[in-house]
Amino acid sequence: MSEFSLIYTHFKHATTRHPSTVLGIGDDCAISHIPPNSQLVSCVDTLVAGRHFVHETDSHAIAYKAVAVNLSDLASMGATPYAILVGLSLPKAMANDGFCKAFAHGLADACTPFGVELIGGDTTGSPVLTISVTALGFVPSNQAITRQGACVGDVVCVSGTVGLASLALHGILDDLNGDGHANRPPDSLPHDLRQAMQYPAPQVALGGRLIGFASSMIDISDGLGQDLGHILRASGVGVVIDLDAIPSHALLDALPHAQKWQHQINGGDDYQLCFTMPSAKLDLFKIQNPDMPIYPIGQIVADKGLVFLHNKKEVDLLVKGWEHF
């Protein structure tokens, strides 16, 4: 199938048209309106076969996650997603209707709940399957939530379970042949593990509601410890984390403490939100948003660094998140 046939057959009508789009797929560039009193927020993530997912991963799941991780970045700044652009590098054997149809459905399934449109991109041949997604969103002018802004006394919160995706990945990595292929395919994992690893849920609605409440925010992609460390460095503060307060899962709770904490602190790939806010605003947020549970796990302090507590006693944990190189 040619590049243009692939685009028009599988991607041109994969998503619903967004009101902000003037011109979408079919020209050299897309053209978009920016809503009044808004700022454009943009991000890009790249996934490479054998590095970010095993070769046996279903193409629908690959596409879904490639979109979801970008929408999570937008959510971490309080932005409302608008559109994506996709760069798809395909081995020749994958440039077929079967792969592309499932891949396009994965894109659509990730975009549709948030009204996101696929407005453009590029396709090319490559020895290795690589997906690069650029996501665009809008945030009210000067109200984006950044990593800088955490203050001493702020409560540190997360939006949901941390560590489950890492546990899933650990199960796959244990069976890798050393070349990015797995003896145990992802589909053989228990449902909760497979969903956490392949179909993360970007916390878009929560991110938007945290505008005016959160003093800083980041999404958990490279590990809670490492990502929270970005907030600490940007804000010039430290933190005390209660390990027992981190939202968990029965599969994690069945592990020895050291293994459980390794997944929760260093595992990553959760795409939950980690944010800080004054305690008074936390109470107000809970009152105004009873449908959105959030989980306090610690407090910002003046002394720089991360301190971890278990049963109110300090625990020595090495923070080492995902390494991109």
C-alpha atoms as a PDB file:
ATOM      1  CA  MET A   1       0.000   0.000   0.000  1.00  0.00           C
ATOM      2  CA  SER A   2       1.354   3.462  -0.892  1.00  0.00           C
ATOM      3  CA  GLU A   3       1.841   6.189   1.705  1.00  0.00           C
ATOM      4  CA  PHE A   4      -1.087   8.241   0.429  1.00  0.00           C
ATOM      5  CA  SER A   5      -3.421   5.261   0.166  1.00  0.00           C
ATOM      6  CA  LEU A   6      -2.514   4.324   3.726  1.00  0.00           C
ATOM      7  CA  ILE A   7      -3.264   7.847   4.972  1.00  0.00           C
ATOM      8  CA  TYR A   8      -6.570   8.263   3.164  1.00  0.00           C
ATOM      9  CA  THR A   9      -7.784   4.730   3.828  1.00  0.00           C
ATOM     10  CA  HIS A  10      -7.016   4.490   7.528  1.00  0.00           C
ATOM     11  CA  PHE A  11      -6.286   7.915   9.023  1.00  0.00           C
ATOM     12  CA  LYS A  12      -8.076  10.769   7.218  1.00  0.00           C
ATOM     13  CA  HIS A  13     -11.447   9.983   8.804  1.00  0.00           C
ATOM     14  CA  ALA A  14     -10.259   8.149  11.924  1.00  0.00           C
ATOM     15  CA  THR A  15     -11.407  10.896  14.301  1.00  0.00           C
ATOM     16  CA  THR A  16     -14.207  13.465  14.504  1.00  0.00           C
ATOM     17  CA  ARG A  17     -13.650  17.027  13.305  1.00  0.00           C
ATOM     18  CA  HIS A  18     -12.928  19.528  16.094  1.00  0.00           C
ATOM     19  CA  PRO A  19     -14.461  23.036  15.966  1.00  0.00           C
ATOM     20  CA  SER A  20     -10.997  24.614  16.229  1.00  0.00           C
ATOM     21  CA  THR A  21      -9.778  22.921  13.039  1.00  0.00           C
ATOM     22  CA  VAL A  22      -9.796  25.065   9.897  1.00  0.00           C
ATOM     23  CA  LEU A  23      -7.927  22.562   7.711  1.00  0.00           C
ATOM     24  CA  GLY A  24      -6.998  19.015   8.706  1.00  0.00           C
ATOM     25  CA  ILE A  25      -5.445  16.045   6.933  1.00  0.00           C
ATOM     26  CA  GLY A  26      -4.879  16.493   3.198  1.00  0.00           C
ATOM     27  CA  ASP A  27      -2.568  19.482   2.795  1.00  0.00           C
ATOM     28  CA  ASP A  28       1.027  20.381   3.673  1.00  0.00           C
ATOM     29  CA  CYS A  29      -0.024  21.706   7.070  1.00  0.00           C
ATOM     30  CA  ALA A  30      -3.049  21.778   9.314  1.00  0.00           C
ATOM     31  CA  ILE A  31      -4.621  25.106  10.251  1.00  0.00           C
ATOM     32  CA  SER A  32      -6.280  25.726  13.603  1.00  0.00           C
ATOM     33  CA  HIS A  33      -8.070  28.451  15.514  1.00  0.00           C
ATOM     34  CA  ILE A  34      -6.932  29.193  19.073  1.00  0.00           C
ATOM     35  CA  PRO A  35      -9.974  29.967  21.257  1.00  0.00           C
ATOM     36  CA  PRO A  36     -10.171  33.465  22.788  1.00  0.00           C
ATOM     37  CA  ASN A  37      -8.339  34.011  26.086  1.00  0.00           C
ATOM     38  CA  SER A  38      -6.489  30.719  25.674  1.00  0.00           C
ATOM     39  CA  GLN A  39      -2.915  29.588  25.223  1.00  0.00           C
ATOM     40  CA  LEU A  40      -1.706  26.702  23.067  1.00  0.00           C
ATOM     41  CA  VAL A  41      -0.044  23.845  24.975  1.00  0.00           C
ATOM     42  CA  SER A  42       1.967  21.269  23.009  1.00  0.00           C
ATOM     43  CA  CYS A  43       4.008  18.139  23.714  1.00  0.00           C
ATOM     44  CA  VAL A  44       5.543  15.190  21.878  1.00  0.00           C
ATOM     45  CA  ASP A  45       6.403  11.610  22.863  1.00  0.00           C
ATOM     46  CA  THR A  46       8.094   8.891  20.837  1.00  0.00           C
ATOM     47  CA  LEU A  47       7.624   5.137  21.310  1.00  0.00           C
ATOM     48  CA  VAL A  48      10.097   2.663  19.773  1.00  0.00           C
ATOM     49  CA  ALA A  49       9.494  -1.078  19.390  1.00  0.00           C
ATOM     50  CA  GLY A  50      11.782  -3.105  21.631  1.00  0.00           C
ATOM     51  CA  ARG A  51      12.468  -0.056  23.802  1.00  0.00           C
ATOM     52  CA  HIS A  52       9.065   1.216  24.959  1.00  0.00           C
ATOM     53  CA  PHE A  53       6.992  -1.854  24.148  1.00  0.00           C
ATOM     54  CA  VAL A  54       7.736  -5.452  23.199  1.00  0.00           C
ATOM     55  CA  HIS A  55       7.358  -6.455  19.562  1.00  0.00           C
ATOM     56  CA  GLU A  56       4.434  -8.757  20.378  1.00  0.00           C
ATOM     57  CA  THR A  57       2.254  -5.842  21.535  1.00  0.00           C
ATOM     58  CA  ASP A  58      -1.022  -5.502  19.628  1.00  0.00           C
ATOM     59  CA  SER A  59      -1.065  -2.556  17.212  1.00  0.00           C
ATOM     60  CA  HIS A  60      -4.320  -1.236  18.713  1.00  0.00           C
ATOM     61  CA  ALA A  61      -2.677  -1.057  22.146  1.00  0.00           C
ATOM     62  CA  ILE A  62       0.468   0.582  20.722  1.00  0.00           C
ATOM     63  CA  ALA A  63      -1.541   3.343  19.087  1.00  0.00           C
ATOM     64  CA  TYR A  64      -3.791   3.859  22.108  1.00  0.00           C
ATOM     65  CA  LYS A  65      -0.875   4.270  24.489  1.00  0.00           C
ATOM     66  CA  ALA A  66       1.042   6.535  22.090  1.00  0.00           C
ATOM     67  CA  VAL A  67      -1.893   8.955  22.256  1.00  0.00           C
ATOM     68  CA  ALA A  68      -2.705   8.490  25.943  1.00  0.00           C
ATOM     69  CA  VAL A  69       0.790   9.346  27.189  1.00  0.00           C
ATOM     70  CA  ASN A  70       0.617  12.654  25.345  1.00  0.00           C
ATOM     71  CA  LEU A  71      -2.857  13.486  26.613  1.00  0.00           C
ATOM     72  CA  SER A  72      -1.497  12.796  30.097  1.00  0.00           C
ATOM     73  CA  ASP A  73       1.183  15.455  29.547  1.00  0.00           C
ATOM     74  CA  LEU A  74      -1.511  17.959  28.582  1.00  0.00           C
ATOM     75  CA  ALA A  75      -3.551  16.965  31.640  1.00  0.00           C
ATOM     76  CA  SER A  76      -0.547  17.621  33.867  1.00  0.00           C
ATOM     77  CA  MET A  77      -0.732  21.308  32.941  1.00  0.00           C
ATOM     78  CA  GLY A  78      -4.499  21.578  33.222  1.00  0.00           C
ATOM     79  CA  ALA A  79      -4.931  21.769  29.443  1.00  0.00           C
ATOM     80  CA  THR A  80      -7.905  20.536  27.444  1.00  0.00           C
ATOM     81  CA  PRO A  81      -6.692  18.323  24.570  1.00  0.00           C
ATOM     82  CA  TYR A  82      -7.540  19.471  21.076  1.00  0.00           C
ATOM     83  CA  ALA A  83      -5.646  17.511  18.411  1.00  0.00           C
ATOM     84  CA  ILE A  84      -2.751  15.189  17.617  1.00  0.00           C
ATOM     85  CA  LEU A  85      -0.261  14.758  14.793  1.00  0.00           C
ATOM     86  CA  VAL A  86       1.265  11.317  14.259  1.00  0.00           C
ATOM     87  CA  GLY A  87       4.626  10.360  12.773  1.00  0.00           C
ATOM     88  CA  LEU A  88       4.572   6.656  11.923  1.00  0.00           C
ATOM     89  CA  SER A  89       7.719   4.796  10.805  1.00  0.00           C
ATOM     90  CA  LEU A  90       6.808   1.303   9.630  1.00  0.00           C
ATOM     91  CA  PRO A  91       8.761  -1.811   8.657  1.00  0.00           C
ATOM     92  CA  LYS A  92       7.613  -2.884   5.199  1.00  0.00           C
ATOM     93  CA  ALA A  93       5.939  -6.019   6.565  1.00  0.00           C
ATOM     94  CA  MET A  94       3.650  -3.850   8.728  1.00  0.00           C
ATOM     95  CA  ALA A  95       2.550  -1.468   5.974  1.00  0.00           C
ATOM     96  CA  ASN A  96      -0.607  -3.470   5.369  1.00  0.00           C
ATOM     97  CA  ASP A  97      -4.327  -3.165   5.952  1.00  0.00           C
ATOM     98  CA  GLY A  98      -4.321  -5.456   8.987  1.00  0.00           C
ATOM     99  CA  PHE A  99      -1.781  -3.515  11.020  1.00  0.00           C
ATOM    100  CA  CYS A 100      -2.887  -0.056   9.915  1.00  0.00           C
ATOM    101  CA  LYS A 101      -6.591  -0.691  10.451  1.00  0.00           C
ATOM    102  CA  ALA A 102      -6.071  -1.830  14.050  1.00  0.00           C
ATOM    103  CA  PHE A 103      -3.578   1.000  14.638  1.00  0.00           C
ATOM    104  CA  ALA A 104      -6.043   3.612  13.361  1.00  0.00           C
ATOM    105  CA  HIS A 105      -8.763   2.157  15.597  1.00  0.00           C
ATOM    106  CA  GLY A 106      -6.400   2.436  18.561  1.00  0.00           C
ATOM    107  CA  LEU A 107      -5.787   6.094  17.770  1.00  0.00           C
ATOM    108  CA  ALA A 108      -9.506   6.723  17.471  1.00  0.00           C
ATOM    109  CA  ASP A 109     -10.355   4.900  20.694  1.00  0.00           C
ATOM    110  CA  ALA A 110      -7.841   7.031  22.604  1.00  0.00           C
ATOM    111  CA  CYS A 111      -8.969  10.293  20.989  1.00  0.00           C
ATOM    112  CA  THR A 112     -12.750   9.926  20.932  1.00  0.00           C
ATOM    113  CA  PRO A 113     -13.474  10.167  24.700  1.00  0.00           C
ATOM    114  CA  PHE A 114     -11.727  13.551  24.767  1.00  0.00           C
ATOM    115  CA  GLY A 115     -12.990  14.952  21.446  1.00  0.00           C
ATOM    116  CA  VAL A 116      -9.466  14.978  20.045  1.00  0.00           C
ATOM    117  CA  GLU A 117      -8.890  15.158  16.283  1.00  0.00           C
ATOM    118  CA  LEU A 118      -6.057  13.658  14.237  1.00  0.00           C
ATOM    119  CA  ILE A 119      -5.133  16.666  12.081  1.00  0.00           C
ATOM    120  CA  GLY A 120      -1.968  15.486  10.352  1.00  0.00           C
ATOM    121  CA  GLY A 121       1.321  13.653  10.464  1.00  0.00           C
ATOM    122  CA  ASP A 122       3.668  11.628   8.305  1.00  0.00           C
ATOM    123  CA  THR A 123       4.407   8.017   7.408  1.00  0.00           C
ATOM    124  CA  THR A 124       7.625   6.415   6.183  1.00  0.00           C
ATOM    125  CA  GLY A 125       9.385   3.089   5.942  1.00  0.00           C
ATOM    126  CA  SER A 126      11.795   2.096   8.700  1.00  0.00           C
ATOM    127  CA  PRO A 127      13.616  -0.988   9.999  1.00  0.00           C
ATOM    128  CA  VAL A 128      12.033  -0.401  13.426  1.00  0.00           C
ATOM    129  CA  LEU A 129       8.435   0.476  14.274  1.00  0.00           C
ATOM    130  CA  THR A 130       8.476   3.993  15.735  1.00  0.00           C
ATOM    131  CA  ILE A 131       5.512   6.174  16.664  1.00  0.00           C
ATOM    132  CA  SER A 132       5.885   9.863  17.449  1.00  0.00           C
ATOM    133  CA  VAL A 133       2.764  11.725  18.580  1.00  0.00           C
ATOM    134  CA  THR A 134       2.502  15.480  18.999  1.00  0.00           C
ATOM    135  CA  ALA A 135      -0.477  16.608  21.064  1.00  0.00           C
ATOM    136  CA  LEU A 136      -2.005  20.076  21.157  1.00  0.00           C
ATOM    137  CA  GLY A 137      -4.319  21.512  23.770  1.00  0.00           C
ATOM    138  CA  PHE A 138      -5.672  24.758  25.130  1.00  0.00           C
ATOM    139  CA  VAL A 139      -5.494  26.229  28.616  1.00  0.00           C
ATOM    140  CA  PRO A 140      -7.006  29.490  29.919  1.00  0.00           C
ATOM    141  CA  SER A 141      -4.444  32.257  29.509  1.00  0.00           C
ATOM    142  CA  ASN A 142      -1.812  32.331  32.263  1.00  0.00           C
ATOM    143  CA  GLN A 143      -3.460  29.510  34.231  1.00  0.00           C
ATOM    144  CA  ALA A 144      -1.357  26.511  33.174  1.00  0.00           C
ATOM    145  CA  ILE A 145      -0.095  24.433  36.101  1.00  0.00           C
ATOM    146  CA  THR A 146       3.665  23.911  35.901  1.00  0.00           C
ATOM    147  CA  ARG A 147       6.303  22.045  37.902  1.00  0.00           C
ATOM    148  CA  GLN A 148       7.343  25.302  39.540  1.00  0.00           C
ATOM    149  CA  GLY A 149       5.155  26.525  42.386  1.00  0.00           C
ATOM    150  CA  ALA A 150       5.204  23.972  45.219  1.00  0.00           C
ATOM    151  CA  CYS A 151       5.460  25.741  48.581  1.00  0.00           C
ATOM    152  CA  VAL A 152       6.497  24.599  52.044  1.00  0.00           C
ATOM    153  CA  GLY A 153       3.437  23.165  53.794  1.00  0.00           C
ATOM    154  CA  ASP A 154       1.689  22.096  50.587  1.00  0.00           C
ATOM    155  CA  VAL A 155       0.173  18.624  50.533  1.00  0.00           C
ATOM    156  CA  VAL A 156       1.468  16.219  47.872  1.00  0.00           C
ATOM    157  CA  CYS A 157      -1.253  14.179  46.149  1.00  0.00           C
ATOM    158  CA  VAL A 158      -1.619  11.590  43.411  1.00  0.00           C
ATOM    159  CA  SER A 159      -4.660  10.828  41.308  1.00  0.00           C
ATOM    160  CA  GLY A 160      -4.722   7.032  41.601  1.00  0.00           C
ATOM    161  CA  THR A 161      -2.917   3.693  41.848  1.00  0.00           C
ATOM    162  CA  VAL A 162       0.852   3.851  41.414  1.00  0.00           C
ATOM    163  CA  GLY A 163       3.118   0.939  40.510  1.00  0.00           C
ATOM    164  CA  LEU A 164       0.786  -1.430  38.676  1.00  0.00           C
ATOM    165  CA  ALA A 165       2.129  -0.723  35.183  1.00  0.00           C
ATOM    166  CA  SER A 166       5.651  -1.346  36.437  1.00  0.00           C
ATOM    167  CA  LEU A 167       4.594  -4.685  37.881  1.00  0.00           C
ATOM    168  CA  ALA A 168       3.106  -5.611  34.493  1.00  0.00           C
ATOM    169  CA  LEU A 169       6.257  -4.602  32.661  1.00  0.00           C
ATOM    170  CA  HIS A 170       8.345  -6.597  35.115  1.00  0.00           C
ATOM    171  CA  GLY A 171       6.350  -9.704  34.232  1.00  0.00           C
ATOM    172  CA  ILE A 172       7.048  -9.160  30.531  1.00  0.00           C
ATOM    173  CA  LEU A 173      10.722  -8.261  30.947  1.00  0.00           C
ATOM    174  CA  ASP A 174      11.350 -11.429  32.938  1.00  0.00           C
ATOM    175  CA  ASP A 175      10.502 -13.376  29.792  1.00  0.00           C
ATOM    176  CA  LEU A 176      12.348 -11.265  27.212  1.00  0.00           C
ATOM    177  CA  ASN A 177      14.759 -13.021  24.895  1.00  0.00           C
ATOM    178  CA  GLY A 178      17.134 -10.060  25.000  1.00  0.00           C
ATOM    179  CA  ASP A 179      16.101  -8.640  21.614  1.00  0.00           C
ATOM    180  CA  GLY A 180      12.860  -6.897  22.535  1.00  0.00           C
ATOM    181  CA  HIS A 181      10.781 -10.043  21.996  1.00  0.00           C
ATOM    182  CA  ALA A 182       8.899 -11.763  24.796  1.00  0.00           C
ATOM    183  CA  ASN A 183       8.311 -15.446  25.415  1.00  0.00           C
ATOM    184  CA  ARG A 184       5.245 -14.356  27.361  1.00  0.00           C
ATOM    185  CA  PRO A 185       3.058 -12.028  25.261  1.00  0.00           C
ATOM    186  CA  PRO A 186       1.405  -9.031  26.973  1.00  0.00           C
ATOM    187  CA  ASP A 187      -2.052 -10.503  26.297  1.00  0.00           C
ATOM    188  CA  SER A 188      -1.252 -13.339  28.729  1.00  0.00           C
ATOM    189  CA  LEU A 189      -1.043 -10.933  31.678  1.00  0.00           C
ATOM    190  CA  PRO A 190      -3.897 -10.632  34.190  1.00  0.00           C
ATOM    191  CA  HIS A 191      -6.476  -8.068  33.022  1.00  0.00           C
ATOM    192  CA  ASP A 192      -5.612  -5.357  35.559  1.00  0.00           C
ATOM    193  CA  LEU A 193      -1.906  -5.554  34.738  1.00  0.00           C
ATOM    194  CA  ARG A 194      -2.481  -5.521  30.989  1.00  0.00           C
ATOM    195  CA  GLN A 195      -4.813  -2.523  31.220  1.00  0.00           C
ATOM    196  CA  ALA A 196      -2.383  -0.569  33.392  1.00  0.00           C
ATOM    197  CA  MET A 197       0.513  -1.162  31.023  1.00  0.00           C
ATOM    198  CA  GLN A 198      -1.186  -0.921  27.621  1.00  0.00           C
ATOM    199  CA  TYR A 199      -4.248   1.277  28.185  1.00  0.00           C
ATOM    200  CA  PRO A 200      -3.378   4.027  30.696  1.00  0.00           C
ATOM    201  CA  ALA A 201      -6.176   6.484  31.449  1.00  0.00           C
ATOM    202  CA  PRO A 202      -5.008  10.105  31.070  1.00  0.00           C
ATOM    203  CA  GLN A 203      -6.452  12.208  33.882  1.00  0.00           C
ATOM    204  CA  VAL A 204      -7.692  14.983  31.631  1.00  0.00           C
ATOM    205  CA  ALA A 205     -10.834  15.961  33.545  1.00  0.00           C
ATOM    206  CA  LEU A 206      -9.007  16.084  36.864  1.00  0.00           C
ATOM    207  CA  GLY A 207      -6.156  18.118  35.394  1.00  0.00           C
ATOM    208  CA  GLY A 208      -8.582  20.785  34.241  1.00  0.00           C
ATOM    209  CA  ARG A 209     -10.401  20.942  37.561  1.00  0.00           C
ATOM    210  CA  LEU A 210      -7.141  21.396  39.438  1.00  0.00           C
ATOM    211  CA  ILE A 211      -6.645  24.837  37.880  1.00  0.00           C
ATOM    212  CA  GLY A 212      -6.849  27.306  40.749  1.00  0.00           C
ATOM    213  CA  PHE A 213      -6.155  24.565  43.289  1.00  0.00           C
ATOM    214  CA  ALA A 214      -2.839  22.894  42.464  1.00  0.00           C
ATOM    215  CA  SER A 215       0.352  24.869  42.987  1.00  0.00           C
ATOM    216  CA  SER A 216       2.433  22.489  40.842  1.00  0.00           C
ATOM    217  CA  MET A 217       1.838  19.312  38.867  1.00  0.00           C
ATOM    218  CA  ILE A 218       3.474  16.597  36.752  1.00  0.00           C
ATOM    219  CA  ASP A 219       2.349  13.266  35.333  1.00  0.00           C
ATOM    220  CA  ILE A 220       4.001  10.046  36.520  1.00  0.00           C
ATOM    221  CA  SER A 221       5.758   8.631  33.484  1.00  0.00           C
ATOM    222  CA  ASP A 222       9.314   7.906  34.641  1.00  0.00           C
ATOM    223  CA  GLY A 223       8.584   6.958  38.265  1.00  0.00           C
ATOM    224  CA  LEU A 224       6.919   8.792  41.161  1.00  0.00           C
ATOM    225  CA  GLY A 225      10.248   9.507  42.860  1.00  0.00           C
ATOM    226  CA  GLN A 226      11.969  10.834  39.763  1.00  0.00           C
ATOM    227  CA  ASP A 227       9.003  12.855  38.515  1.00  0.00           C
ATOM    228  CA  LEU A 228       8.258  14.351  41.922  1.00  0.00           C
ATOM    229  CA  GLY A 229      11.945  15.236  42.029  1.00  0.00           C
ATOM    230  CA  HIS A 230      11.387  17.470  38.990  1.00  0.00           C
ATOM    231  CA  ILE A 231       8.815  19.454  40.983  1.00  0.00           C
ATOM    232  CA  LEU A 232      11.180  19.716  43.943  1.00  0.00           C
ATOM    233  CA  ARG A 233      14.050  21.014  41.819  1.00  0.00           C
ATOM    234  CA  ALA A 234      11.867  23.486  39.932  1.00  0.00           C
ATOM    235  CA  SER A 235      10.328  24.760  43.181  1.00  0.00           C
ATOM    236  CA  GLY A 236      13.457  24.668  45.368  1.00  0.00           C
ATOM    237  CA  VAL A 237      11.856  22.548  48.111  1.00  0.00           C
ATOM    238  CA  GLY A 238      11.894  19.030  49.580  1.00  0.00           C
ATOM    239  CA  VAL A 239       9.249  16.459  50.494  1.00  0.00           C
ATOM    240  CA  VAL A 240       8.317  13.828  53.060  1.00  0.00           C
ATOM    241  CA  ILE A 241       6.365  10.921  51.528  1.00  0.00           C
ATOM    242  CA  ASP A 242       4.273   8.426  53.512  1.00  0.00           C
ATOM    243  CA  LEU A 243       4.769   5.156  51.629  1.00  0.00           C
ATOM    244  CA  ASP A 244       1.714   3.654  53.337  1.00  0.00           C
ATOM    245  CA  ALA A 245      -0.522   6.381  51.863  1.00  0.00           C
ATOM    246  CA  ILE A 246       0.333   5.725  48.198  1.00  0.00           C
ATOM    247  CA  PRO A 247      -2.720   4.203  46.461  1.00  0.00           C
ATOM    248  CA  SER A 248      -1.964   0.560  45.756  1.00  0.00           C
ATOM    249  CA  HIS A 249      -3.465  -2.632  44.310  1.00  0.00           C
ATOM    250  CA  ALA A 250      -3.893  -6.125  45.733  1.00  0.00           C
ATOM    251  CA  LEU A 251      -1.260  -7.489  43.341  1.00  0.00           C
ATOM    252  CA  LEU A 252       1.241  -4.957  44.675  1.00  0.00           C
ATOM    253  CA  ASP A 253       0.208  -5.445  48.298  1.00  0.00           C
ATOM    254  CA  ALA A 254       1.020  -9.145  47.969  1.00  0.00           C
ATOM    255  CA  LEU A 255       4.703  -8.302  47.402  1.00  0.00           C
ATOM    256  CA  PRO A 256       7.384  -7.719  50.054  1.00  0.00           C
ATOM    257  CA  HIS A 257       7.596  -4.036  50.969  1.00  0.00           C
ATOM    258  CA  ALA A 258      10.914  -3.499  49.173  1.00  0.00           C
ATOM    259  CA  GLN A 259       9.557  -4.843  45.864  1.00  0.00           C
ATOM    260  CA  LYS A 260       6.281  -2.968  46.165  1.00  0.00           C
ATOM    261  CA  TRP A 261       8.055   0.318  46.839  1.00  0.00           C
ATOM    262  CA  GLN A 262      10.408  -0.273  43.925  1.00  0.00           C
ATOM    263  CA  HIS A 263       7.439  -0.446  41.565  1.00  0.00           C
ATOM    264  CA  GLN A 264       5.682   2.529  43.163  1.00  0.00           C
ATOM    265  CA  ILE A 265       8.658   4.875  43.498  1.00  0.00           C
ATOM    266  CA  ASN A 266      10.850   3.911  40.542  1.00  0.00           C
ATOM    267  CA  GLY A 267       8.624   1.985  38.145  1.00  0.00           C
ATOM    268  CA  GLY A 268       6.849   4.683  36.149  1.00  0.00           C
ATOM    269  CA  ASP A 269       4.444   4.288  33.223  1.00  0.00           C
ATOM    270  CA  ASP A 270       1.461   5.022  35.501  1.00  0.00           C
ATOM    271  CA  TYR A 271       0.333   8.275  33.873  1.00  0.00           C
ATOM    272  CA  GLN A 272      -1.385   9.335  37.060  1.00  0.00           C
ATOM    273  CA  LEU A 273      -1.022  12.965  38.133  1.00  0.00           C
ATOM    274  CA  CYS A 274       1.212  14.059  41.001  1.00  0.00           C
ATOM    275  CA  PHE A 275       0.471  17.538  42.320  1.00  0.00           C
ATOM    276  CA  THR A 276       0.766  19.856  45.302  1.00  0.00           C
ATOM    277  CA  MET A 277      -1.705  22.237  46.903  1.00  0.00           C
ATOM    278  CA  PRO A 278      -2.248  24.081  50.180  1.00  0.00           C
ATOM    279  CA  SER A 279      -4.184  21.991  52.715  1.00  0.00           C
ATOM    280  CA  ALA A 280      -7.076  24.511  52.785  1.00  0.00           C
ATOM    281  CA  LYS A 281      -7.478  24.191  49.022  1.00  0.00           C
ATOM    282  CA  LEU A 282      -7.307  20.408  49.295  1.00  0.00           C
ATOM    283  CA  ASP A 283     -10.289  20.424  51.649  1.00  0.00           C
ATOM    284  CA  LEU A 284     -12.179  22.797  49.353  1.00  0.00           C
ATOM    285  CA  PHE A 285     -11.402  20.700  46.291  1.00  0.00           C
ATOM    286  CA  LYS A 286     -12.782  17.584  47.956  1.00  0.00           C
ATOM    287  CA  ILE A 287     -16.003  19.420  48.861  1.00  0.00           C
ATOM    288  CA  GLN A 288     -16.481  20.844  45.370  1.00  0.00           C
ATOM    289  CA  ASN A 289     -15.413  17.697  43.497  1.00  0.00           C
ATOM    290  CA  PRO A 290     -16.739  14.659  45.395  1.00  0.00           C
ATOM    291  CA  ASP A 291     -16.711  12.663  42.140  1.00  0.00           C
ATOM    292  CA  MET A 292     -12.933  12.987  41.797  1.00  0.00           C
ATOM    293  CA  PRO A 293     -11.019  11.230  44.566  1.00  0.00           C
ATOM    294  CA  ILE A 294      -7.445  12.360  45.127  1.00  0.00           C
ATOM    295  CA  TYR A 295      -4.926  10.852  47.516  1.00  0.00           C
ATOM    296  CA  PRO A 296      -2.639  12.848  49.842  1.00  0.00           C
ATOM    297  CA  ILE A 297       0.715  11.043  50.193  1.00  0.00           C
ATOM    298  CA  GLY A 298       3.042  13.594  51.754  1.00  0.00           C
ATOM    299  CA  GLN A 299       4.003  17.176  52.469  1.00  0.00           C
ATOM    300  CA  ILE A 300       6.389  19.730  51.001  1.00  0.00           C
ATOM    301  CA  VAL A 301       9.171  20.784  53.407  1.00  0.00           C
ATOM    302  CA  ALA A 302      11.995  23.297  53.320  1.00  0.00           C
ATOM    303  CA  ASP A 303      14.877  20.809  53.448  1.00  0.00           C
ATOM    304  CA  LYS A 304      15.627  19.698  49.903  1.00  0.00           C
ATOM    305  CA  GLY A 305      15.433  16.047  48.895  1.00  0.00           C
ATOM    306  CA  LEU A 306      12.993  13.167  49.296  1.00  0.00           C
ATOM    307  CA  VAL A 307      12.319  11.506  52.654  1.00  0.00           C
ATOM    308  CA  PHE A 308      10.250   8.304  52.789  1.00  0.00           C
ATOM    309  CA  LEU A 309       8.341   7.052  55.834  1.00  0.00           C
ATOM    310  CA  HIS A 310       6.855   3.636  56.623  1.00  0.00           C
ATOM    311  CA  ASN A 311       4.969   3.241  59.900  1.00  0.00           C
ATOM    312  CA  LYS A 312       6.200   6.781  60.674  1.00  0.00           C
ATOM    313  CA  LYS A 313       9.840   5.641  60.490  1.00  0.00           C
ATOM    314  CA  GLU A 314      12.277   6.782  57.837  1.00  0.00           C
ATOM    315  CA  VAL A 315      13.081   4.288  55.081  1.00  0.00           C
ATOM    316  CA  ASP A 316      16.192   4.463  52.913  1.00  0.00           C
ATOM    317  CA  LEU A 317      15.127   4.199  49.257  1.00  0.00           C
ATOM    318  CA  LEU A 318      17.245   4.831  46.184  1.00  0.00           C
ATOM    319  CA  VAL A 319      15.321   6.946  43.656  1.00  0.00           C
ATOM    320  CA  LYS A 320      16.113   5.764  40.151  1.00  0.00           C
ATOM    321  CA  GLY A 321      13.408   6.130  37.538  1.00  0.00           C
ATOM    322  CA  TRP A 322      13.259   5.301  33.836  1.00  0.00           C
ATOM    323  CA  GLU A 323      16.417   5.976  31.849  1.00  0.00           C
ATOM    324  CA  HIS A 324      15.794   7.132  28.271  1.00  0.00           C
ATOM    325  CA  PHE A 325      19.352   6.381  27.104  1.00  0.00           C
END
